Amino acid sequence: MAGPTEATGENRLGLLQRIYLRCMEWIQTPAGIWVLFLIAFAESSFFPIPPDVFLIALCISLPTKSFRYAAICAVGSVLGGMLGYGLGFAFMDTVGVRILDWYGLQEKYLVVQGLYQKYDAWAVGAAGFTPLPYKLFTITAGAVKINFAVFVVMSILSRSARFFLIAALIHRYGPRVQDFILRYFNILTIIFLVLLIGGFILIKMLF
């Protein structure tokens, strides 16, 4: 017989699967673009499923519109990140804490606080581009009150880079690249981020 923790985990997994399947149904409708926008918006502050898989589905259905879909996804994600910032800034002790508790991110919240104290805007850039939970970083950014303008700029750069990379791969290689993206995209984004930061460090040392 499953214990309470195991049962809760199974129920949560079942809920996520149902949400995912329903979103995949909606994404195939004429309103698919708006569904993508709303998913990207919500994921940046409270929604559990990253928008990447839905972006991939739309790009594969019409590869010629891949960059349009990436732009819509990026705009939704950045605006959602601003909402997450606002939740952390004004409602951290109520709404923000509840969201982090639901995802089991309480301990990571303290870690991210330390990252912001040490790296400031770079922490936003890393979270926006890599597989790290973006909602954790947007809510924490508001809670620790980092510069909002810097937060928005770094969100635009990092989220756009992530989604346009997906769009570029599908636009160039078509549906056959889908499995490659799903399997290796997280590794590719981390490598790209390391190279990007390394380039900035090298430029700083040379000049």
C-alpha atoms as a PDB file:
ATOM      1  CA  MET A   1       0.000   0.000   0.000  1.00  0.00           C
ATOM      2  CA  ALA A   2       1.406   3.365  -1.021  1.00  0.00           C
ATOM      3  CA  GLY A   3       2.252   5.840   1.718  1.00  0.00           C
ATOM      4  CA  PRO A   4       0.899   9.424   1.779  1.00  0.00           C
ATOM      5  CA  THR A   5       3.999  10.916   0.142  1.00  0.00           C
ATOM      6  CA  GLU A   6       4.069   8.318  -2.632  1.00  0.00           C
ATOM      7  CA  ALA A   7       0.347   8.690  -3.253  1.00  0.00           C
ATOM      8  CA  THR A   8       0.664  12.466  -3.439  1.00  0.00           C
ATOM      9  CA  GLY A   9       3.507  12.131  -5.932  1.00  0.00           C
ATOM     10  CA  GLU A  10       1.480   9.760  -8.096  1.00  0.00           C
ATOM     11  CA  ASN A  11      -1.549  12.061  -8.012  1.00  0.00           C
ATOM     12  CA  ARG A  12       0.609  15.023  -8.987  1.00  0.00           C
ATOM     13  CA  LEU A  13       2.159  13.063 -11.866  1.00  0.00           C
ATOM     14  CA  GLY A  14      -1.288  12.066 -13.079  1.00  0.00           C
ATOM     15  CA  LEU A  15      -2.434  15.675 -12.923  1.00  0.00           C
ATOM     16  CA  LEU A  16       0.583  16.855 -14.933  1.00  0.00           C
ATOM     17  CA  GLN A  17      -0.048  14.196 -17.565  1.00  0.00           C
ATOM     18  CA  ARG A  18      -3.673  15.284 -17.910  1.00  0.00           C
ATOM     19  CA  ILE A  19      -2.674  18.941 -18.178  1.00  0.00           C
ATOM     20  CA  TYR A  20      -0.064  18.092 -20.791  1.00  0.00           C
ATOM     21  CA  LEU A  21      -2.445  16.047 -22.919  1.00  0.00           C
ATOM     22  CA  ARG A  22      -5.146  18.715 -22.765  1.00  0.00           C
ATOM     23  CA  CYS A  23      -2.655  21.429 -23.781  1.00  0.00           C
ATOM     24  CA  MET A  24      -1.481  19.288 -26.688  1.00  0.00           C
ATOM     25  CA  GLU A  25      -5.091  19.071 -27.851  1.00  0.00           C
ATOM     26  CA  TRP A  26      -5.554  22.834 -27.586  1.00  0.00           C
ATOM     27  CA  ILE A  27      -2.278  23.599 -29.364  1.00  0.00           C
ATOM     28  CA  GLN A  28      -3.591  21.852 -32.501  1.00  0.00           C
ATOM     29  CA  THR A  29      -6.653  24.108 -32.749  1.00  0.00           C
ATOM     30  CA  PRO A  30      -6.864  27.426 -34.675  1.00  0.00           C
ATOM     31  CA  ALA A  31      -6.248  29.134 -31.326  1.00  0.00           C
ATOM     32  CA  GLY A  32      -2.947  27.260 -30.936  1.00  0.00           C
ATOM     33  CA  ILE A  33      -0.860  30.440 -31.039  1.00  0.00           C
ATOM     34  CA  TRP A  34      -2.777  31.916 -28.116  1.00  0.00           C
ATOM     35  CA  VAL A  35      -2.492  28.654 -26.210  1.00  0.00           C
ATOM     36  CA  LEU A  36       1.282  28.743 -26.709  1.00  0.00           C
ATOM     37  CA  PHE A  37       1.390  32.356 -25.491  1.00  0.00           C
ATOM     38  CA  LEU A  38      -0.649  31.548 -22.377  1.00  0.00           C
ATOM     39  CA  ILE A  39       1.418  28.456 -21.559  1.00  0.00           C
ATOM     40  CA  ALA A  40       4.664  30.421 -21.899  1.00  0.00           C
ATOM     41  CA  PHE A  41       3.197  33.222 -19.776  1.00  0.00           C
ATOM     42  CA  ALA A  42       1.948  30.930 -17.019  1.00  0.00           C
ATOM     43  CA  GLU A  43       5.065  28.708 -16.894  1.00  0.00           C
ATOM     44  CA  SER A  44       7.252  31.656 -15.924  1.00  0.00           C
ATOM     45  CA  SER A  45       5.407  32.110 -12.650  1.00  0.00           C
ATOM     46  CA  PHE A  46       3.294  29.084 -11.708  1.00  0.00           C
ATOM     47  CA  PHE A  47       2.512  26.603 -14.537  1.00  0.00           C
ATOM     48  CA  PRO A  48       4.339  23.247 -14.191  1.00  0.00           C
ATOM     49  CA  ILE A  49       5.091  22.327 -17.837  1.00  0.00           C
ATOM     50  CA  PRO A  50       7.749  24.227 -19.872  1.00  0.00           C
ATOM     51  CA  PRO A  51       6.477  25.684 -23.167  1.00  0.00           C
ATOM     52  CA  ASP A  52       9.273  24.119 -25.221  1.00  0.00           C
ATOM     53  CA  VAL A  53       7.384  20.947 -26.096  1.00  0.00           C
ATOM     54  CA  PHE A  54       4.366  22.942 -27.292  1.00  0.00           C
ATOM     55  CA  LEU A  55       6.614  25.275 -29.281  1.00  0.00           C
ATOM     56  CA  ILE A  56       8.181  22.229 -30.934  1.00  0.00           C
ATOM     57  CA  ALA A  57       4.734  20.878 -31.850  1.00  0.00           C
ATOM     58  CA  LEU A  58       3.702  24.136 -33.533  1.00  0.00           C
ATOM     59  CA  CYS A  59       7.029  24.614 -35.328  1.00  0.00           C
ATOM     60  CA  ILE A  60       6.897  21.083 -36.723  1.00  0.00           C
ATOM     61  CA  SER A  61       3.336  21.604 -37.942  1.00  0.00           C
ATOM     62  CA  LEU A  62       4.439  24.722 -39.898  1.00  0.00           C
ATOM     63  CA  PRO A  63       8.249  25.035 -40.020  1.00  0.00           C
ATOM     64  CA  THR A  64       8.061  28.221 -42.105  1.00  0.00           C
ATOM     65  CA  LYS A  65       6.421  29.978 -39.138  1.00  0.00           C
ATOM     66  CA  SER A  66       8.901  28.672 -36.581  1.00  0.00           C
ATOM     67  CA  PHE A  67      10.423  32.061 -35.795  1.00  0.00           C
ATOM     68  CA  ARG A  68       6.992  33.638 -35.405  1.00  0.00           C
ATOM     69  CA  TYR A  69       6.058  30.973 -32.882  1.00  0.00           C
ATOM     70  CA  ALA A  70       9.369  31.483 -31.061  1.00  0.00           C
ATOM     71  CA  ALA A  71       8.716  35.227 -30.817  1.00  0.00           C
ATOM     72  CA  ILE A  72       5.224  34.649 -29.408  1.00  0.00           C
ATOM     73  CA  CYS A  73       6.633  32.164 -26.915  1.00  0.00           C
ATOM     74  CA  ALA A  74       9.380  34.582 -25.852  1.00  0.00           C
ATOM     75  CA  VAL A  75       6.971  37.498 -25.365  1.00  0.00           C
ATOM     76  CA  GLY A  76       4.616  35.357 -23.301  1.00  0.00           C
ATOM     77  CA  SER A  77       7.483  34.014 -21.200  1.00  0.00           C
ATOM     78  CA  VAL A  78       8.962  37.445 -20.471  1.00  0.00           C
ATOM     79  CA  LEU A  79       5.588  38.905 -19.523  1.00  0.00           C
ATOM     80  CA  GLY A  80       4.948  35.886 -17.313  1.00  0.00           C
ATOM     81  CA  GLY A  81       8.346  36.386 -15.734  1.00  0.00           C
ATOM     82  CA  MET A  82       7.338  39.947 -14.876  1.00  0.00           C
ATOM     83  CA  LEU A  83       4.268  38.523 -13.136  1.00  0.00           C
ATOM     84  CA  GLY A  84       6.506  36.106 -11.229  1.00  0.00           C
ATOM     85  CA  TYR A  85       8.726  39.030 -10.208  1.00  0.00           C
ATOM     86  CA  GLY A  86       5.649  40.887  -8.968  1.00  0.00           C
ATOM     87  CA  LEU A  87       4.478  37.877  -6.955  1.00  0.00           C
ATOM     88  CA  GLY A  88       7.864  37.627  -5.261  1.00  0.00           C
ATOM     89  CA  PHE A  89       8.100  41.377  -4.734  1.00  0.00           C
ATOM     90  CA  ALA A  90       4.673  41.967  -3.193  1.00  0.00           C
ATOM     91  CA  PHE A  91       3.320  38.554  -2.153  1.00  0.00           C
ATOM     92  CA  MET A  92       6.331  36.368  -1.315  1.00  0.00           C
ATOM     93  CA  ASP A  93       5.072  35.446   2.160  1.00  0.00           C
ATOM     94  CA  THR A  94       1.713  34.270   0.811  1.00  0.00           C
ATOM     95  CA  VAL A  95       1.454  33.415  -2.887  1.00  0.00           C
ATOM     96  CA  GLY A  96       5.175  33.061  -3.631  1.00  0.00           C
ATOM     97  CA  VAL A  97       5.793  30.639  -0.787  1.00  0.00           C
ATOM     98  CA  ARG A  98       2.797  28.503  -1.761  1.00  0.00           C
ATOM     99  CA  ILE A  99       4.038  28.151  -5.348  1.00  0.00           C
ATOM    100  CA  LEU A 100       7.534  27.163  -4.243  1.00  0.00           C
ATOM    101  CA  ASP A 101       6.115  24.720  -1.694  1.00  0.00           C
ATOM    102  CA  TRP A 102       3.947  23.031  -4.330  1.00  0.00           C
ATOM    103  CA  TYR A 103       7.006  22.356  -6.493  1.00  0.00           C
ATOM    104  CA  GLY A 104       9.236  21.408  -3.554  1.00  0.00           C
ATOM    105  CA  LEU A 105      11.628  24.294  -4.242  1.00  0.00           C
ATOM    106  CA  GLN A 106      11.992  25.659  -0.701  1.00  0.00           C
ATOM    107  CA  GLU A 107      15.646  24.656  -0.302  1.00  0.00           C
ATOM    108  CA  LYS A 108      16.529  25.769  -3.829  1.00  0.00           C
ATOM    109  CA  TYR A 109      14.974  29.158  -3.049  1.00  0.00           C
ATOM    110  CA  LEU A 110      17.771  29.812  -0.540  1.00  0.00           C
ATOM    111  CA  VAL A 111      20.358  28.701  -3.092  1.00  0.00           C
ATOM    112  CA  VAL A 112      18.958  31.064  -5.721  1.00  0.00           C
ATOM    113  CA  GLN A 113      18.990  33.913  -3.220  1.00  0.00           C
ATOM    114  CA  GLY A 114      22.721  33.334  -2.884  1.00  0.00           C
ATOM    115  CA  LEU A 115      23.149  33.275  -6.664  1.00  0.00           C
ATOM    116  CA  TYR A 116      21.438  36.644  -6.982  1.00  0.00           C
ATOM    117  CA  GLN A 117      23.638  38.123  -4.272  1.00  0.00           C
ATOM    118  CA  LYS A 118      26.732  36.883  -6.076  1.00  0.00           C
ATOM    119  CA  TYR A 119      25.850  37.132  -9.784  1.00  0.00           C
ATOM    120  CA  ASP A 120      22.815  39.442  -9.946  1.00  0.00           C
ATOM    121  CA  ALA A 121      21.556  39.613 -13.570  1.00  0.00           C
ATOM    122  CA  TRP A 122      23.634  36.641 -14.717  1.00  0.00           C
ATOM    123  CA  ALA A 123      21.460  34.405 -12.553  1.00  0.00           C
ATOM    124  CA  VAL A 124      18.410  35.523 -14.538  1.00  0.00           C
ATOM    125  CA  GLY A 125      20.207  34.855 -17.813  1.00  0.00           C
ATOM    126  CA  ALA A 126      21.242  31.370 -16.732  1.00  0.00           C
ATOM    127  CA  ALA A 127      17.742  30.487 -15.554  1.00  0.00           C
ATOM    128  CA  GLY A 128      16.065  31.844 -18.667  1.00  0.00           C
ATOM    129  CA  PHE A 129      18.209  29.886 -21.090  1.00  0.00           C
ATOM    130  CA  THR A 130      18.939  26.630 -19.295  1.00  0.00           C
ATOM    131  CA  PRO A 131      16.622  23.866 -17.947  1.00  0.00           C
ATOM    132  CA  LEU A 132      16.606  25.448 -14.469  1.00  0.00           C
ATOM    133  CA  PRO A 133      13.068  26.202 -13.171  1.00  0.00           C
ATOM    134  CA  TYR A 134      12.475  29.706 -14.471  1.00  0.00           C
ATOM    135  CA  LYS A 135       9.563  30.393 -12.087  1.00  0.00           C
ATOM    136  CA  LEU A 136      11.919  29.855  -9.135  1.00  0.00           C
ATOM    137  CA  PHE A 137      14.193  32.594 -10.455  1.00  0.00           C
ATOM    138  CA  THR A 138      11.452  35.073 -11.387  1.00  0.00           C
ATOM    139  CA  ILE A 139       9.743  34.829  -7.994  1.00  0.00           C
ATOM    140  CA  THR A 140      13.058  34.986  -6.141  1.00  0.00           C
ATOM    141  CA  ALA A 141      14.162  37.990  -8.213  1.00  0.00           C
ATOM    142  CA  GLY A 142      11.156  39.907  -6.936  1.00  0.00           C
ATOM    143  CA  ALA A 143      11.639  38.678  -3.371  1.00  0.00           C
ATOM    144  CA  VAL A 144      15.242  39.897  -3.219  1.00  0.00           C
ATOM    145  CA  LYS A 145      14.290  43.008  -5.219  1.00  0.00           C
ATOM    146  CA  ILE A 146      16.950  42.959  -7.916  1.00  0.00           C
ATOM    147  CA  ASN A 147      16.793  45.798 -10.453  1.00  0.00           C
ATOM    148  CA  PHE A 148      13.582  45.298 -12.420  1.00  0.00           C
ATOM    149  CA  ALA A 149      14.890  46.801 -15.677  1.00  0.00           C
ATOM    150  CA  VAL A 150      17.943  44.534 -15.594  1.00  0.00           C
ATOM    151  CA  PHE A 151      15.692  41.577 -14.845  1.00  0.00           C
ATOM    152  CA  VAL A 152      13.504  42.330 -17.882  1.00  0.00           C
ATOM    153  CA  VAL A 153      16.452  42.833 -20.252  1.00  0.00           C
ATOM    154  CA  MET A 154      18.137  39.594 -19.199  1.00  0.00           C
ATOM    155  CA  SER A 155      14.822  37.756 -19.444  1.00  0.00           C
ATOM    156  CA  ILE A 156      14.304  39.001 -23.001  1.00  0.00           C
ATOM    157  CA  LEU A 157      17.805  37.947 -24.059  1.00  0.00           C
ATOM    158  CA  SER A 158      17.827  34.537 -22.411  1.00  0.00           C
ATOM    159  CA  ARG A 159      14.272  33.431 -23.197  1.00  0.00           C
ATOM    160  CA  SER A 160      14.525  34.625 -26.798  1.00  0.00           C
ATOM    161  CA  ALA A 161      17.815  32.757 -27.233  1.00  0.00           C
ATOM    162  CA  ARG A 162      16.274  29.545 -25.901  1.00  0.00           C
ATOM    163  CA  PHE A 163      13.121  29.593 -28.019  1.00  0.00           C
ATOM    164  CA  PHE A 164      14.735  30.890 -31.204  1.00  0.00           C
ATOM    165  CA  LEU A 165      17.334  28.118 -30.991  1.00  0.00           C
ATOM    166  CA  ILE A 166      14.493  25.582 -31.082  1.00  0.00           C
ATOM    167  CA  ALA A 167      12.849  27.415 -33.972  1.00  0.00           C
ATOM    168  CA  ALA A 168      16.117  27.619 -35.925  1.00  0.00           C
ATOM    169  CA  LEU A 169      16.777  23.890 -35.581  1.00  0.00           C
ATOM    170  CA  ILE A 170      13.297  22.939 -36.757  1.00  0.00           C
ATOM    171  CA  HIS A 171      13.256  25.545 -39.531  1.00  0.00           C
ATOM    172  CA  ARG A 172      16.566  24.198 -40.811  1.00  0.00           C
ATOM    173  CA  TYR A 173      16.116  20.446 -40.340  1.00  0.00           C
ATOM    174  CA  GLY A 174      12.341  19.934 -40.101  1.00  0.00           C
ATOM    175  CA  PRO A 175      10.462  17.268 -38.084  1.00  0.00           C
ATOM    176  CA  ARG A 176      13.394  14.831 -38.087  1.00  0.00           C
ATOM    177  CA  VAL A 177      15.230  17.001 -35.550  1.00  0.00           C
ATOM    178  CA  GLN A 178      12.437  16.673 -32.959  1.00  0.00           C
ATOM    179  CA  ASP A 179      13.889  13.644 -31.154  1.00  0.00           C
ATOM    180  CA  PHE A 180      17.327  15.256 -31.108  1.00  0.00           C
ATOM    181  CA  ILE A 181      15.955  18.435 -29.510  1.00  0.00           C
ATOM    182  CA  LEU A 182      13.986  16.574 -26.850  1.00  0.00           C
ATOM    183  CA  ARG A 183      16.944  14.360 -25.976  1.00  0.00           C
ATOM    184  CA  TYR A 184      19.867  16.786 -26.100  1.00  0.00           C
ATOM    185  CA  PHE A 185      18.489  20.321 -25.937  1.00  0.00           C
ATOM    186  CA  ASN A 186      19.217  20.792 -22.229  1.00  0.00           C
ATOM    187  CA  ILE A 187      22.840  19.758 -22.772  1.00  0.00           C
ATOM    188  CA  LEU A 188      23.174  22.076 -25.761  1.00  0.00           C
ATOM    189  CA  THR A 189      21.809  25.064 -23.847  1.00  0.00           C
ATOM    190  CA  ILE A 190      24.218  24.499 -20.969  1.00  0.00           C
ATOM    191  CA  ILE A 191      27.186  24.244 -23.350  1.00  0.00           C
ATOM    192  CA  PHE A 192      26.074  27.386 -25.164  1.00  0.00           C
ATOM    193  CA  LEU A 193      25.715  29.280 -21.879  1.00  0.00           C
ATOM    194  CA  VAL A 194      29.168  28.199 -20.703  1.00  0.00           C
ATOM    195  CA  LEU A 195      30.715  29.345 -23.994  1.00  0.00           C
ATOM    196  CA  LEU A 196      28.830  32.661 -23.816  1.00  0.00           C
ATOM    197  CA  ILE A 197      29.964  33.431 -20.280  1.00  0.00           C
ATOM    198  CA  GLY A 198      33.488  32.302 -21.139  1.00  0.00           C
ATOM    199  CA  GLY A 199      33.521  34.706 -24.068  1.00  0.00           C
ATOM    200  CA  PHE A 200      32.507  37.639 -21.876  1.00  0.00           C
ATOM    201  CA  ILE A 201      35.181  36.747 -19.300  1.00  0.00           C
ATOM    202  CA  LEU A 202      37.826  36.515 -22.028  1.00  0.00           C
ATOM    203  CA  ILE A 203      36.849  39.900 -23.464  1.00  0.00           C
ATOM    204  CA  LYS A 204      36.978  41.440 -19.980  1.00  0.00           C
ATOM    205  CA  MET A 205      40.457  40.010 -19.349  1.00  0.00           C
ATOM    206  CA  LEU A 206      41.800  41.189 -22.713  1.00  0.00           C
ATOM    207  CA  PHE A 207      40.331  44.696 -22.654  1.00  0.00           C
END
